[in-house]
PDB file of N, CA and C in Angstrom:
ATOM      1  N   UNK A   1      18.557  -3.439  -3.034  1.00  0.00           N
ATOM      2  CA  UNK A   1      16.763  -3.146  -2.024  1.00  0.00           C
ATOM      3  C   UNK A   1      16.479  -1.868  -2.961  1.00  0.00           C
ATOM      4  N   UNK A   2      14.997  -2.319  -3.154  1.00  0.00           N
ATOM      5  CA  UNK A   2      14.666  -0.797  -3.557  1.00  0.00           C
ATOM      6  C   UNK A   2      14.102   0.344  -2.517  1.00  0.00           C
ATOM      7  N   UNK A   3      12.834   0.593  -2.683  1.00  0.00           N
ATOM      8  CA  UNK A   3      12.454   1.941  -2.222  1.00  0.00           C
ATOM      9  C   UNK A   3      11.375   1.197  -1.487  1.00  0.00           C
ATOM     10  N   UNK A   4      11.154   0.829  -2.142  1.00  0.00           N
ATOM     11  CA  UNK A   4       9.524  -0.046  -1.403  1.00  0.00           C
ATOM     12  C   UNK A   4       9.745  -0.834  -0.692  1.00  0.00           C
ATOM     13  N   UNK A   5      10.920  -1.888  -1.145  1.00  0.00           N
ATOM     14  CA  UNK A   5      11.614  -2.540   0.033  1.00  0.00           C
ATOM     15  C   UNK A   5      12.017  -2.495   1.431  1.00  0.00           C
ATOM     16  N   UNK A   6      12.715  -1.381   1.179  1.00  0.00           N
ATOM     17  CA  UNK A   6      13.498  -0.655   2.318  1.00  0.00           C
ATOM     18  C   UNK A   6      11.799  -0.324   3.064  1.00  0.00           C
ATOM     19  N   UNK A   7      11.082   0.545   2.498  1.00  0.00           N
ATOM     20  CA  UNK A   7       9.414   0.795   3.188  1.00  0.00           C
ATOM     21  C   UNK A   7       9.069  -0.090   4.122  1.00  0.00           C
ATOM     22  N   UNK A   8       9.070  -1.424   3.128  1.00  0.00           N
ATOM     23  CA  UNK A   8       8.397  -2.457   3.917  1.00  0.00           C
ATOM     24  C   UNK A   8       9.007  -3.365   4.865  1.00  0.00           C
ATOM     25  N   UNK A   9       9.793  -3.108   5.033  1.00  0.00           N
ATOM     26  CA  UNK A   9      10.718  -3.502   6.327  1.00  0.00           C
ATOM     27  C   UNK A   9      10.917  -2.755   7.103  1.00  0.00           C
ATOM     28  N   UNK A  10      11.271  -1.294   6.646  1.00  0.00           N
ATOM     29  CA  UNK A  10      10.577  -0.085   7.898  1.00  0.00           C
ATOM     30  C   UNK A  10       9.118  -0.692   8.610  1.00  0.00           C
ATOM     31  N   UNK A  11       8.417  -1.133   7.750  1.00  0.00           N
ATOM     32  CA  UNK A  11       6.900  -0.897   8.094  1.00  0.00           C
ATOM     33  C   UNK A  11       7.017  -2.419   8.870  1.00  0.00           C
ATOM     34  N   UNK A  12       7.050  -3.492   8.926  1.00  0.00           N
ATOM     35  CA  UNK A  12       7.558  -4.425   9.605  1.00  0.00           C
ATOM     36  C   UNK A  12       8.066  -3.957  10.559  1.00  0.00           C
ATOM     37  N   UNK A  13       9.046  -3.965  11.033  1.00  0.00           N
ATOM     38  CA  UNK A  13       9.985  -3.336  12.382  1.00  0.00           C
ATOM     39  C   UNK A  13       8.601  -2.771  12.851  1.00  0.00           C
ATOM     40  N   UNK A  14       7.922  -1.670  12.807  1.00  0.00           N
ATOM     41  CA  UNK A  14       7.357  -1.097  13.327  1.00  0.00           C
ATOM     42  C   UNK A  14       6.739  -1.573  13.878  1.00  0.00           C
ATOM     43  N   UNK A  15       6.121  -3.055  13.860  1.00  0.00           N
ATOM     44  CA  UNK A  15       4.737  -3.876  14.190  1.00  0.00           C
ATOM     45  C   UNK A  15       5.251  -3.874  15.824  1.00  0.00           C
ATOM     46  N   UNK A  16       6.108  -4.012  16.205  1.00  0.00           N
ATOM     47  CA  UNK A  16       6.720  -4.183  17.641  1.00  0.00           C
ATOM     48  C   UNK A  16       7.566  -2.587  18.364  1.00  0.00           C
ATOM     49  N   UNK A  17       6.943  -1.879  17.561  1.00  0.00           N
ATOM     50  CA  UNK A  17       7.144  -0.608  17.927  1.00  0.00           C
ATOM     51  C   UNK A  17       6.186  -0.113  19.331  1.00  0.00           C
ATOM     52  N   UNK A  18       6.462   1.010  19.893  1.00  0.00           N
ATOM     53  CA  UNK A  18       5.593   1.757  20.432  1.00  0.00           C
ATOM     54  C   UNK A  18       4.966   2.866  19.700  1.00  0.00           C
ATOM     55  N   UNK A  19       3.467   2.495  20.216  1.00  0.00           N
ATOM     56  CA  UNK A  19       2.964   3.590  19.227  1.00  0.00           C
ATOM     57  C   UNK A  19       2.590   4.815  19.319  1.00  0.00           C
ATOM     58  N   UNK A  20       2.847   4.956  20.496  1.00  0.00           N
ATOM     59  CA  UNK A  20       3.355   6.396  20.908  1.00  0.00           C
ATOM     60  C   UNK A  20       4.514   7.238  20.472  1.00  0.00           C
ATOM     61  N   UNK A  21       5.105   6.043  19.643  1.00  0.00           N
ATOM     62  CA  UNK A  21       6.669   6.838  19.220  1.00  0.00           C
ATOM     63  C   UNK A  21       6.703   6.711  17.926  1.00  0.00           C
ATOM     64  N   UNK A  22       5.809   6.048  16.854  1.00  0.00           N
ATOM     65  CA  UNK A  22       5.496   5.628  15.932  1.00  0.00           C
ATOM     66  C   UNK A  22       4.369   5.789  15.208  1.00  0.00           C
ATOM     67  N   UNK A  23       4.051   6.781  14.245  1.00  0.00           N
ATOM     68  CA  UNK A  23       2.632   6.649  13.283  1.00  0.00           C
ATOM     69  C   UNK A  23       2.449   5.338  12.946  1.00  0.00           C
ATOM     70  N   UNK A  24       3.500   4.689  12.280  1.00  0.00           N
ATOM     71  CA  UNK A  24       2.896   3.245  11.313  1.00  0.00           C
ATOM     72  C   UNK A  24       2.918   2.356  12.697  1.00  0.00           C
ATOM     73  N   UNK A  25       3.045   2.221  14.047  1.00  0.00           N
ATOM     74  CA  UNK A  25       2.912   1.387  15.028  1.00  0.00           C
ATOM     75  C   UNK A  25       1.578   2.218  15.319  1.00  0.00           C
ATOM     76  N   UNK A  26       1.275   3.465  15.580  1.00  0.00           N
ATOM     77  CA  UNK A  26      -0.146   3.516  16.020  1.00  0.00           C
ATOM     78  C   UNK A  26      -1.187   3.235  15.137  1.00  0.00           C
ATOM     79  N   UNK A  27      -0.737   2.953  13.714  1.00  0.00           N
ATOM     80  CA  UNK A  27      -1.861   2.665  12.615  1.00  0.00           C
ATOM     81  C   UNK A  27      -1.916   1.104  12.899  1.00  0.00           C
ATOM     82  N   UNK A  28      -0.730   0.664  12.974  1.00  0.00           N
ATOM     83  CA  UNK A  28      -0.799  -1.015  13.128  1.00  0.00           C
ATOM     84  C   UNK A  28      -1.373  -1.417  14.266  1.00  0.00           C
ATOM     85  N   UNK A  29      -1.037  -0.638  15.503  1.00  0.00           N
ATOM     86  CA  UNK A  29      -1.937  -1.491  16.578  1.00  0.00           C
ATOM     87  C   UNK A  29      -3.190  -0.689  16.341  1.00  0.00           C
ATOM     88  N   UNK A  30      -3.927  -0.115  15.736  1.00  0.00           N
ATOM     89  CA  UNK A  30      -5.561  -0.022  15.656  1.00  0.00           C
ATOM     90  C   UNK A  30      -6.808  -1.725  14.378  1.00  0.00           C
ATOM     91  N   UNK A  31      -5.561  -1.975  13.901  1.00  0.00           N
ATOM     92  CA  UNK A  31      -5.872  -3.502  13.460  1.00  0.00           C
ATOM     93  C   UNK A  31      -6.186  -3.172  12.324  1.00  0.00           C
ATOM     94  N   UNK A  32      -6.378  -4.535  11.207  1.00  0.00           N
ATOM     95  CA  UNK A  32      -5.984  -4.013   9.986  1.00  0.00           C
ATOM     96  C   UNK A  32      -7.312  -2.892   9.401  1.00  0.00           C
ATOM     97  N   UNK A  33      -8.573  -3.282  10.290  1.00  0.00           N
ATOM     98  CA  UNK A  33      -9.410  -2.655   9.586  1.00  0.00           C
ATOM     99  C   UNK A  33      -9.281  -0.994   9.292  1.00  0.00           C
ATOM    100  N   UNK A  34      -8.732  -0.298  10.769  1.00  0.00           N
ATOM    101  CA  UNK A  34      -8.344   0.774  10.344  1.00  0.00           C
ATOM    102  C   UNK A  34      -7.155   0.902   9.454  1.00  0.00           C
ATOM    103  N   UNK A  35      -6.263   0.557   9.354  1.00  0.00           N
ATOM    104  CA  UNK A  35      -5.261   0.267   8.103  1.00  0.00           C
ATOM    105  C   UNK A  35      -6.144   0.678   7.029  1.00  0.00           C
ATOM    106  N   UNK A  36      -7.069  -0.129   6.545  1.00  0.00           N
ATOM    107  CA  UNK A  36      -7.651  -0.104   5.254  1.00  0.00           C
ATOM    108  C   UNK A  36      -8.285   0.650   5.177  1.00  0.00           C
ATOM    109  N   UNK A  37      -9.086   1.288   6.348  1.00  0.00           N
ATOM    110  CA  UNK A  37      -9.795   2.803   6.131  1.00  0.00           C
ATOM    111  C   UNK A  37      -9.095   3.709   5.428  1.00  0.00           C
ATOM    112  N   UNK A  38      -7.423   4.216   6.116  1.00  0.00           N
ATOM    113  CA  UNK A  38      -6.694   4.880   6.017  1.00  0.00           C
ATOM    114  C   UNK A  38      -6.000   4.750   4.739  1.00  0.00           C
ATOM    115  N   UNK A  39      -6.086   3.584   4.041  1.00  0.00           N
ATOM    116  CA  UNK A  39      -5.790   3.221   3.029  1.00  0.00           C
ATOM    117  C   UNK A  39      -6.485   3.884   1.719  1.00  0.00           C
ATOM    118  N   UNK A  40      -7.680   3.504   1.966  1.00  0.00           N
ATOM    119  CA  UNK A  40      -8.702   4.149   1.150  1.00  0.00           C
ATOM    120  C   UNK A  40      -8.916   5.692   0.980  1.00  0.00           C
ATOM    121  N   UNK A  41      -8.830   6.230   2.586  1.00  0.00           N
ATOM    122  CA  UNK A  41      -9.098   7.724   2.365  1.00  0.00           C
ATOM    123  C   UNK A  41      -7.518   8.429   1.727  1.00  0.00           C
ATOM    124  N   UNK A  42      -6.787   7.803   1.648  1.00  0.00           N
ATOM    125  CA  UNK A  42      -5.192   8.048   1.073  1.00  0.00           C
ATOM    126  C   UNK A  42      -5.388   8.080  -0.871  1.00  0.00           C
ATOM    127  N   UNK A  43      -6.350   6.724  -0.945  1.00  0.00           N
ATOM    128  CA  UNK A  43      -6.570   6.586  -2.134  1.00  0.00           C
ATOM    129  C   UNK A  43      -7.046   7.360  -3.141  1.00  0.00           C
ATOM    130  N   UNK A  44      -8.516   8.154  -1.976  1.00  0.00           N
ATOM    131  CA  UNK A  44      -9.423   9.162  -2.440  1.00  0.00           C
ATOM    132  C   UNK A  44      -8.538  10.143  -2.912  1.00  0.00           C
ATOM    133  N   UNK A  45      -7.516  10.675  -1.676  1.00  0.00           N
ATOM    134  CA  UNK A  45      -7.061  11.896  -1.867  1.00  0.00           C
ATOM    135  C   UNK A  45      -6.336  12.119  -3.493  1.00  0.00           C
ATOM    136  N   UNK A  46      -5.979  11.106  -3.742  1.00  0.00           N
ATOM    137  CA  UNK A  46      -5.045  10.466  -4.570  1.00  0.00           C
ATOM    138  C   UNK A  46      -5.747  10.741  -6.146  1.00  0.00           C
ATOM    139  N   UNK A  47      -6.785  10.335  -6.012  1.00  0.00           N
ATOM    140  CA  UNK A  47      -8.041  10.349  -7.301  1.00  0.00           C
ATOM    141  C   UNK A  47      -8.420  11.983  -7.061  1.00  0.00           C
ATOM    142  N   UNK A  48      -8.465  12.892  -6.386  1.00  0.00           N
ATOM    143  CA  UNK A  48      -8.827  14.434  -6.162  1.00  0.00           C
ATOM    144  C   UNK A  48      -8.061  14.840  -6.863  1.00  0.00           C
ATOM    145  N   UNK A  49      -6.630  14.933  -6.401  1.00  0.00           N
ATOM    146  CA  UNK A  49      -5.139  15.211  -7.199  1.00  0.00           C
ATOM    147  C   UNK A  49      -5.156  15.182  -8.765  1.00  0.00           C
ATOM    148  N   UNK A  50      -5.908  13.527  -9.114  1.00  0.00           N
ATOM    149  CA  UNK A  50      -5.479  12.895 -10.248  1.00  0.00           C
ATOM    150  C   UNK A  50      -6.441  14.244 -11.127  1.00  0.00           C
ATOM    151  N   UNK A  51      -7.661  14.235 -10.749  1.00  0.00           N
ATOM    152  CA  UNK A  51      -8.579  14.659 -11.271  1.00  0.00           C
ATOM    153  C   UNK A  51      -8.297  16.177 -11.516  1.00  0.00           C
ATOM    154  N   UNK A  52      -8.057  16.823 -10.829  1.00  0.00           N
ATOM    155  CA  UNK A  52      -7.386  18.084 -10.772  1.00  0.00           C
ATOM    156  C   UNK A  52      -6.170  18.849 -11.373  1.00  0.00           C
ATOM    157  N   UNK A  53      -5.357  17.778 -11.674  1.00  0.00           N
ATOM    158  CA  UNK A  53      -4.516  17.472 -12.440  1.00  0.00           C
ATOM    159  C   UNK A  53      -2.906  18.705 -12.115  1.00  0.00           C
ATOM    160  N   UNK A  54      -2.741  18.544 -11.086  1.00  0.00           N
ATOM    161  CA  UNK A  54      -1.788  19.215 -10.342  1.00  0.00           C
ATOM    162  C   UNK A  54      -1.150  17.624 -10.263  1.00  0.00           C
ATOM    163  N   UNK A  55       0.514  18.174 -10.509  1.00  0.00           N
ATOM    164  CA  UNK A  55       1.113  17.192 -10.661  1.00  0.00           C
ATOM    165  C   UNK A  55       2.057  16.924  -9.102  1.00  0.00           C
ATOM    166  N   UNK A  56       2.154  18.037  -8.563  1.00  0.00           N
ATOM    167  CA  UNK A  56       3.235  18.174  -7.412  1.00  0.00           C
ATOM    168  C   UNK A  56       2.048  17.246  -6.302  1.00  0.00           C
ATOM    169  N   UNK A  57       1.058  17.517  -6.245  1.00  0.00           N
ATOM    170  CA  UNK A  57       0.020  17.083  -4.909  1.00  0.00           C
ATOM    171  C   UNK A  57      -0.224  15.664  -5.287  1.00  0.00           C
ATOM    172  N   UNK A  58      -0.515  15.112  -6.735  1.00  0.00           N
ATOM    173  CA  UNK A  58      -0.553  13.869  -6.984  1.00  0.00           C
ATOM    174  C   UNK A  58       0.756  13.306  -6.383  1.00  0.00           C
ATOM    175  N   UNK A  59       1.738  13.572  -6.720  1.00  0.00           N
ATOM    176  CA  UNK A  59       3.112  12.557  -6.390  1.00  0.00           C
ATOM    177  C   UNK A  59       3.117  12.419  -5.082  1.00  0.00           C
ATOM    178  N   UNK A  60       2.765  14.020  -4.433  1.00  0.00           N
ATOM    179  CA  UNK A  60       2.684  13.522  -2.794  1.00  0.00           C
ATOM    180  C   UNK A  60       1.648  12.331  -2.477  1.00  0.00           C
ATOM    181  N   UNK A  61       0.499  12.724  -2.730  1.00  0.00           N
ATOM    182  CA  UNK A  61      -0.550  11.613  -2.635  1.00  0.00           C
ATOM    183  C   UNK A  61      -0.374  10.145  -2.998  1.00  0.00           C
ATOM    184  N   UNK A  62       0.472   9.945  -4.050  1.00  0.00           N
ATOM    185  CA  UNK A  62       0.698   8.517  -4.179  1.00  0.00           C
ATOM    186  C   UNK A  62       1.300   7.927  -3.351  1.00  0.00           C
ATOM    187  N   UNK A  63       2.500   8.541  -3.013  1.00  0.00           N
ATOM    188  CA  UNK A  63       3.628   8.496  -2.030  1.00  0.00           C
ATOM    189  C   UNK A  63       2.723   7.808  -0.530  1.00  0.00           C
ATOM    190  N   UNK A  64       1.966   8.610  -0.416  1.00  0.00           N
ATOM    191  CA  UNK A  64       1.058   8.090   0.716  1.00  0.00           C
ATOM    192  C   UNK A  64      -0.074   7.018   0.537  1.00  0.00           C
ATOM    193  N   UNK A  65      -0.420   7.098  -0.482  1.00  0.00           N
ATOM    194  CA  UNK A  65      -1.134   5.624  -1.033  1.00  0.00           C
ATOM    195  C   UNK A  65      -0.247   4.677  -0.976  1.00  0.00           C
ATOM    196  N   UNK A  66       0.821   4.394  -1.448  1.00  0.00           N
ATOM    197  CA  UNK A  66       1.885   3.553  -1.623  1.00  0.00           C
ATOM    198  C   UNK A  66       2.013   3.123   0.374  1.00  0.00           C
ATOM    199  N   UNK A  67       2.662   4.317   0.878  1.00  0.00           N
ATOM    200  CA  UNK A  67       2.604   3.879   1.971  1.00  0.00           C
ATOM    201  C   UNK A  67       1.663   2.968   2.912  1.00  0.00           C
ATOM    202  N   UNK A  68       0.488   3.510   2.770  1.00  0.00           N
ATOM    203  CA  UNK A  68      -0.737   3.491   3.364  1.00  0.00           C
ATOM    204  C   UNK A  68      -1.511   1.676   2.950  1.00  0.00           C
ATOM    205  N   UNK A  69      -1.043   1.353   1.718  1.00  0.00           N
ATOM    206  CA  UNK A  69      -0.715   0.117   1.221  1.00  0.00           C
ATOM    207  C   UNK A  69      -0.196  -1.053   2.119  1.00  0.00           C
ATOM    208  N   UNK A  70       0.976  -0.809   1.990  1.00  0.00           N
ATOM    209  CA  UNK A  70       2.507  -1.394   2.468  1.00  0.00           C
ATOM    210  C   UNK A  70       1.959  -1.395   3.881  1.00  0.00           C
ATOM    211  N   UNK A  71       1.585  -0.468   4.833  1.00  0.00           N
ATOM    212  CA  UNK A  71       1.064  -0.398   5.726  1.00  0.00           C
ATOM    213  C   UNK A  71      -0.454  -1.451   6.343  1.00  0.00           C
ATOM    214  N   UNK A  72      -1.130  -1.583   5.160  1.00  0.00           N
ATOM    215  CA  UNK A  72      -3.019  -2.513   5.294  1.00  0.00           C
ATOM    216  C   UNK A  72      -1.608  -3.779   4.765  1.00  0.00           C
ATOM    217  N   UNK A  73      -1.125  -3.942   4.087  1.00  0.00           N
ATOM    218  CA  UNK A  73      -0.528  -5.241   4.066  1.00  0.00           C
ATOM    219  C   UNK A  73       0.109  -5.972   5.292  1.00  0.00           C
ATOM    220  N   UNK A  74       1.335  -5.389   5.544  1.00  0.00           N
ATOM    221  CA  UNK A  74       2.131  -5.575   7.047  1.00  0.00           C
ATOM    222  C   UNK A  74       1.068  -6.435   7.892  1.00  0.00           C
ATOM    223  N   UNK A  75      -0.570  -4.809   8.177  1.00  0.00           N
ATOM    224  CA  UNK A  75      -1.692  -5.843   9.064  1.00  0.00           C
ATOM    225  C   UNK A  75      -1.953  -6.872   8.880  1.00  0.00           C
ATOM    226  N   UNK A  76      -2.598  -7.617   8.017  1.00  0.00           N
ATOM    227  CA  UNK A  76      -3.013  -8.494   7.621  1.00  0.00           C
ATOM    228  C   UNK A  76      -1.811  -9.711   7.026  1.00  0.00           C
ATOM    229  N   UNK A  77      -0.381  -9.129   7.162  1.00  0.00           N
ATOM    230  CA  UNK A  77       0.908 -10.313   7.776  1.00  0.00           C
ATOM    231  C   UNK A  77       0.968 -10.896   5.484  1.00  0.00           C
ATOM    232  N   UNK A  78       0.724  -9.768   4.768  1.00  0.00           N
ATOM    233  CA  UNK A  78       1.246 -10.051   3.094  1.00  0.00           C
ATOM    234  C   UNK A  78       2.182  -9.459   3.041  1.00  0.00           C
ATOM    235  N   UNK A  79       2.961 -10.156   2.827  1.00  0.00           N
ATOM    236  CA  UNK A  79       4.666  -9.626   2.442  1.00  0.00           C
ATOM    237  C   UNK A  79       4.436  -8.954   0.861  1.00  0.00           C
ATOM    238  N   UNK A  80       4.963  -7.909   0.937  1.00  0.00           N
ATOM    239  CA  UNK A  80       5.547  -7.011  -0.362  1.00  0.00           C
ATOM    240  C   UNK A  80       6.011  -8.177  -1.538  1.00  0.00           C
ATOM    241  N   UNK A  81       6.739  -8.928  -0.988  1.00  0.00           N
ATOM    242  CA  UNK A  81       7.456  -9.568  -2.521  1.00  0.00           C
ATOM    243  C   UNK A  81       6.026 -11.019  -2.421  1.00  0.00           C
ATOM    244  N   UNK A  82       4.941 -10.833  -1.873  1.00  0.00           N
ATOM    245  CA  UNK A  82       3.524 -11.705  -2.501  1.00  0.00           C
ATOM    246  C   UNK A  82       3.040 -11.096  -3.294  1.00  0.00           C
ATOM    247  N   UNK A  83       3.579  -9.852  -3.038  1.00  0.00           N
ATOM    248  CA  UNK A  83       2.529  -8.676  -4.327  1.00  0.00           C
ATOM    249  C   UNK A  83       3.404  -8.606  -5.767  1.00  0.00           C
ATOM    250  N   UNK A  84       4.410  -8.604  -5.233  1.00  0.00           N
ATOM    251  CA  UNK A  84       5.315  -8.348  -6.311  1.00  0.00           C
ATOM    252  C   UNK A  84       5.461  -9.839  -7.030  1.00  0.00           C
ATOM    253  N   UNK A  85       5.488 -10.620  -6.708  1.00  0.00           N
ATOM    254  CA  UNK A  85       5.141 -11.989  -7.534  1.00  0.00           C
ATOM    255  C   UNK A  85       3.831 -12.342  -8.269  1.00  0.00           C
ATOM    256  N   UNK A  86       3.350 -11.720  -7.289  1.00  0.00           N
ATOM    257  CA  UNK A  86       1.629 -11.629  -8.386  1.00  0.00           C
ATOM    258  C   UNK A  86       1.669 -10.923  -9.471  1.00  0.00           C
ATOM    259  N   UNK A  87       2.552  -9.436  -9.481  1.00  0.00           N
ATOM    260  CA  UNK A  87       2.346  -8.747 -10.599  1.00  0.00           C
ATOM    261  C   UNK A  87       3.574  -9.204 -11.670  1.00  0.00           C
ATOM    262  N   UNK A  88       4.885 -10.370 -11.009  1.00  0.00           N
ATOM    263  CA  UNK A  88       5.813 -11.160 -11.928  1.00  0.00           C
ATOM    264  C   UNK A  88       4.812 -12.195 -13.073  1.00  0.00           C
ATOM    265  N   UNK A  89       4.224 -12.686 -12.201  1.00  0.00           N
ATOM    266  CA  UNK A  89       2.866 -13.845 -12.296  1.00  0.00           C
ATOM    267  C   UNK A  89       2.054 -13.618 -13.634  1.00  0.00           C
ATOM    268  N   UNK A  90       1.750 -11.974 -13.609  1.00  0.00           N
ATOM    269  CA  UNK A  90       1.084 -11.581 -14.806  1.00  0.00           C
ATOM    270  C   UNK A  90       1.452 -10.666 -15.900  1.00  0.00           C
ATOM    271  N   UNK A  91       2.782 -10.346 -15.545  1.00  0.00           N
ATOM    272  CA  UNK A  91       3.922 -10.412 -16.672  1.00  0.00           C
ATOM    273  C   UNK A  91       3.585 -10.630 -18.013  1.00  0.00           C
ATOM    274  N   UNK A  92       3.339  -9.905 -19.321  1.00  0.00           N
ATOM    275  CA  UNK A  92       3.181 -10.183 -20.385  1.00  0.00           C
ATOM    276  C   UNK A  92       2.029 -10.678 -20.617  1.00  0.00           C
ATOM    277  N   UNK A  93       0.994 -10.851 -20.075  1.00  0.00           N
ATOM    278  CA  UNK A  93      -0.328 -11.171 -20.391  1.00  0.00           C
ATOM    279  C   UNK A  93      -1.095 -10.280 -20.452  1.00  0.00           C
ATOM    280  N   UNK A  94      -2.147 -10.318 -21.377  1.00  0.00           N
ATOM    281  CA  UNK A  94      -2.898  -8.933 -21.487  1.00  0.00           C
ATOM    282  C   UNK A  94      -4.004  -9.218 -20.209  1.00  0.00           C
ATOM    283  N   UNK A  95      -4.364  -7.717 -19.944  1.00  0.00           N
ATOM    284  CA  UNK A  95      -4.576  -7.312 -18.343  1.00  0.00           C
ATOM    285  C   UNK A  95      -6.428  -7.721 -18.461  1.00  0.00           C
ATOM    286  N   UNK A  96      -6.654  -7.997 -20.528  1.00  0.00           N
ATOM    287  CA  UNK A  96      -8.185  -8.399 -20.710  1.00  0.00           C
ATOM    288  C   UNK A  96      -7.987 -10.030 -20.607  1.00  0.00           C
ATOM    289  N   UNK A  97      -7.104 -10.603 -20.865  1.00  0.00           N
ATOM    290  CA  UNK A  97      -6.861 -11.803 -20.435  1.00  0.00           C
ATOM    291  C   UNK A  97      -7.049 -12.101 -19.214  1.00  0.00           C
ATOM    292  N   UNK A  98      -6.444 -11.823 -18.468  1.00  0.00           N
ATOM    293  CA  UNK A  98      -5.720 -11.628 -16.924  1.00  0.00           C
ATOM    294  C   UNK A  98      -7.330 -12.062 -16.562  1.00  0.00           C
ATOM    295  N   UNK A  99      -7.572 -10.781 -16.584  1.00  0.00           N
ATOM    296  CA  UNK A  99      -9.491 -10.496 -15.766  1.00  0.00           C
ATOM    297  C   UNK A  99     -10.168 -11.357 -16.278  1.00  0.00           C
ATOM    298  N   UNK A 100     -10.747 -11.812 -17.178  1.00  0.00           N
ATOM    299  CA  UNK A 100     -11.527 -12.870 -17.786  1.00  0.00           C
ATOM    300  C   UNK A 100     -11.286 -13.876 -17.160  1.00  0.00           C
ATOM    301  N   UNK A 101     -10.032 -14.641 -16.974  1.00  0.00           N
ATOM    302  CA  UNK A 101      -9.727 -15.333 -16.269  1.00  0.00           C
ATOM    303  C   UNK A 101      -9.784 -15.560 -14.611  1.00  0.00           C
ATOM    304  N   UNK A 102      -9.746 -14.682 -14.376  1.00  0.00           N
ATOM    305  CA  UNK A 102     -10.157 -14.709 -12.349  1.00  0.00           C
ATOM    306  C   UNK A 102     -11.076 -15.488 -12.489  1.00  0.00           C
ATOM    307  N   UNK A 103     -11.808 -15.793 -11.296  1.00  0.00           N
ATOM    308  CA  UNK A 103     -12.515 -16.756 -10.704  1.00  0.00           C
ATOM    309  C   UNK A 103     -14.013 -16.318  -9.327  1.00  0.00           C
ATOM    310  N   UNK A 104     -12.670 -15.137  -9.312  1.00  0.00           N
ATOM    311  CA  UNK A 104     -13.578 -14.314  -8.161  1.00  0.00           C
ATOM    312  C   UNK A 104     -13.338 -12.808  -8.593  1.00  0.00           C
TER     313      UNK A 104
END
């Protein structure tokens, strides 16, 4: 099991946890929209650190982005395995070709 798999499993288990005892449960209890908003905030913070060039801060913010992405996915019942399958499907395909083949 990878670190991301373990984190996704922990997040999934927090769906039924008490929001007063778990930050993840608190986020999930606020609904998918709040989870998406928090993911966006963390993504912006990562972008800022990337522009600044601070590797340590970017590493920390990137970890926050991955965590909040997994929370957002869990809020919409999208398993990490589905995202990984999509990445596997795209493997070996030029990004330019893949993007032009999208219908949406």
